[in-house]
Amino acid sequence: MTYDEWVETYLPLTTYTHTVYGSYQFETYGDDLAFVNSCDKLHVWTLVETDTGGEVIMEGCRFVNRLAYFVTVRPWSEPVEVTL
C-alpha cells in the first residue's frame, strides 16, 4: 500500500508536529507516547526503519527500530505495510 492510499483509507489523526509525513506523527516518548498507549491497539501504527535504511509504516505498536507512531480513525484488521 502506498502512503497516500494509507492516509485515504485509515485517516490518521493530526498532531501538532509537522514532519515529512505531514502532521500525523506522534513521538515515542512523553505525552505523545502516553496518548498512543491509551488508544485502542487496532488504531496504532509504527513508523519503522528497515534493516536497509528505508522506512515503512506497519500496523501495531512496535518497539524495535521505531521512529514514530501514528493513530488512525479507522482500525486495521490485517497486517498492512505502507511503503514509503
C-alpha atoms as a PDB file:
ATOM      1  CA  MET A   1       0.000   0.000   0.000  1.00  0.00           C
ATOM      2  CA  THR A   2       1.278   3.478  -0.757  1.00  0.00           C
ATOM      3  CA  TYR A   3       1.389   6.263   1.804  1.00  0.00           C
ATOM      4  CA  ASP A   4      -1.381   8.234   0.052  1.00  0.00           C
ATOM      5  CA  GLU A   5      -3.624   5.140  -0.109  1.00  0.00           C
ATOM      6  CA  TRP A   6      -2.996   4.547   3.602  1.00  0.00           C
ATOM      7  CA  VAL A   7      -3.920   8.146   4.502  1.00  0.00           C
ATOM      8  CA  GLU A   8      -7.147   7.928   2.478  1.00  0.00           C
ATOM      9  CA  THR A   9      -8.071   4.505   3.858  1.00  0.00           C
ATOM     10  CA  TYR A  10      -7.215   4.781   7.566  1.00  0.00           C
ATOM     11  CA  LEU A  11      -7.435   8.561   8.225  1.00  0.00           C
ATOM     12  CA  PRO A  12      -4.503   9.304  10.574  1.00  0.00           C
ATOM     13  CA  LEU A  13      -5.104  11.815  13.366  1.00  0.00           C
ATOM     14  CA  THR A  14      -3.385  15.179  13.106  1.00  0.00           C
ATOM     15  CA  THR A  15      -0.732  16.156  15.657  1.00  0.00           C
ATOM     16  CA  TYR A  16       0.964  19.446  16.473  1.00  0.00           C
ATOM     17  CA  THR A  17       4.186  18.375  14.735  1.00  0.00           C
ATOM     18  CA  HIS A  18       4.744  18.803  11.007  1.00  0.00           C
ATOM     19  CA  THR A  19       7.193  16.311   9.529  1.00  0.00           C
ATOM     20  CA  VAL A  20       7.987  14.725   6.204  1.00  0.00           C
ATOM     21  CA  TYR A  21       4.846  12.602   6.681  1.00  0.00           C
ATOM     22  CA  GLY A  22       2.540  15.539   7.279  1.00  0.00           C
ATOM     23  CA  SER A  23       1.131  16.373  10.690  1.00  0.00           C
ATOM     24  CA  TYR A  24       0.377  12.799  11.667  1.00  0.00           C
ATOM     25  CA  GLN A  25       3.367  11.546  13.649  1.00  0.00           C
ATOM     26  CA  PHE A  26       3.361  11.039  17.413  1.00  0.00           C
ATOM     27  CA  GLU A  27       6.661  10.906  19.307  1.00  0.00           C
ATOM     28  CA  THR A  28       7.870   7.742  21.057  1.00  0.00           C
ATOM     29  CA  TYR A  29       8.138   9.413  24.470  1.00  0.00           C
ATOM     30  CA  GLY A  30       6.375  11.787  26.867  1.00  0.00           C
ATOM     31  CA  ASP A  31       2.786  12.948  26.383  1.00  0.00           C
ATOM     32  CA  ASP A  32       2.658  11.600  22.830  1.00  0.00           C
ATOM     33  CA  LEU A  33       3.587   8.095  23.978  1.00  0.00           C
ATOM     34  CA  ALA A  34       1.071   8.284  26.839  1.00  0.00           C
ATOM     35  CA  PHE A  35      -1.627   9.182  24.310  1.00  0.00           C
ATOM     36  CA  VAL A  36      -0.623   6.378  21.934  1.00  0.00           C
ATOM     37  CA  ASN A  37      -0.661   3.888  24.824  1.00  0.00           C
ATOM     38  CA  SER A  38      -4.189   4.998  25.758  1.00  0.00           C
ATOM     39  CA  CYS A  39      -5.529   4.281  22.254  1.00  0.00           C
ATOM     40  CA  ASP A  40      -7.121   1.068  21.050  1.00  0.00           C
ATOM     41  CA  LYS A  41      -4.256  -1.067  19.710  1.00  0.00           C
ATOM     42  CA  LEU A  42      -6.062  -1.585  16.386  1.00  0.00           C
ATOM     43  CA  HIS A  43      -5.752   2.150  15.680  1.00  0.00           C
ATOM     44  CA  VAL A  44      -1.997   2.389  16.346  1.00  0.00           C
ATOM     45  CA  TRP A  45       0.711   2.172  13.674  1.00  0.00           C
ATOM     46  CA  THR A  46       4.507   2.420  13.877  1.00  0.00           C
ATOM     47  CA  LEU A  47       6.976   4.105  11.551  1.00  0.00           C
ATOM     48  CA  VAL A  48       9.885   1.644  11.429  1.00  0.00           C
ATOM     49  CA  GLU A  49      13.374   1.951   9.994  1.00  0.00           C
ATOM     50  CA  THR A  50      14.200  -1.149   7.956  1.00  0.00           C
ATOM     51  CA  ASP A  51      17.496  -3.023   8.058  1.00  0.00           C
ATOM     52  CA  THR A  52      18.426  -1.433   4.714  1.00  0.00           C
ATOM     53  CA  GLY A  53      17.850   2.115   5.994  1.00  0.00           C
ATOM     54  CA  GLY A  54      14.416   2.628   4.444  1.00  0.00           C
ATOM     55  CA  GLU A  55      11.191   3.359   6.294  1.00  0.00           C
ATOM     56  CA  VAL A  56       7.812   1.608   6.404  1.00  0.00           C
ATOM     57  CA  ILE A  57       4.621   2.113   8.383  1.00  0.00           C
ATOM     58  CA  MET A  58       3.399  -1.106   9.983  1.00  0.00           C
ATOM     59  CA  GLU A  59       0.262  -1.892  11.925  1.00  0.00           C
ATOM     60  CA  GLY A  60       0.532  -2.139  15.690  1.00  0.00           C
ATOM     61  CA  CYS A  61       2.718  -0.679  18.392  1.00  0.00           C
ATOM     62  CA  ARG A  62       6.251  -1.853  17.690  1.00  0.00           C
ATOM     63  CA  PHE A  63       9.404  -1.135  19.638  1.00  0.00           C
ATOM     64  CA  VAL A  64      12.375  -2.322  17.567  1.00  0.00           C
ATOM     65  CA  ASN A  65      13.641   0.309  15.102  1.00  0.00           C
ATOM     66  CA  ARG A  66      10.635   2.566  15.795  1.00  0.00           C
ATOM     67  CA  LEU A  67      10.840   6.186  14.713  1.00  0.00           C
ATOM     68  CA  ALA A  68       7.313   7.431  15.457  1.00  0.00           C
ATOM     69  CA  TYR A  69       3.722   6.344  15.950  1.00  0.00           C
ATOM     70  CA  PHE A  70       0.506   7.111  14.111  1.00  0.00           C
ATOM     71  CA  VAL A  71      -3.071   6.814  15.367  1.00  0.00           C
ATOM     72  CA  THR A  72      -5.883   6.386  12.848  1.00  0.00           C
ATOM     73  CA  VAL A  73      -9.638   6.865  12.863  1.00  0.00           C
ATOM     74  CA  ARG A  74     -10.192   3.539  11.113  1.00  0.00           C
ATOM     75  CA  PRO A  75      -8.707   0.387  12.665  1.00  0.00           C
ATOM     76  CA  TRP A  76      -6.516  -2.118  10.889  1.00  0.00           C
ATOM     77  CA  SER A  77      -7.829  -5.681  10.723  1.00  0.00           C
ATOM     78  CA  GLU A  78      -4.986  -7.495   8.984  1.00  0.00           C
ATOM     79  CA  PRO A  79      -1.251  -6.953   8.505  1.00  0.00           C
ATOM     80  CA  VAL A  80      -0.520  -3.860   6.417  1.00  0.00           C
ATOM     81  CA  GLU A  81       2.832  -2.489   5.312  1.00  0.00           C
ATOM     82  CA  VAL A  82       2.940   1.021   3.895  1.00  0.00           C
ATOM     83  CA  THR A  83       5.841   1.577   1.548  1.00  0.00           C
ATOM     84  CA  LEU A  84       7.461   4.992   1.747  1.00  0.00           C
END
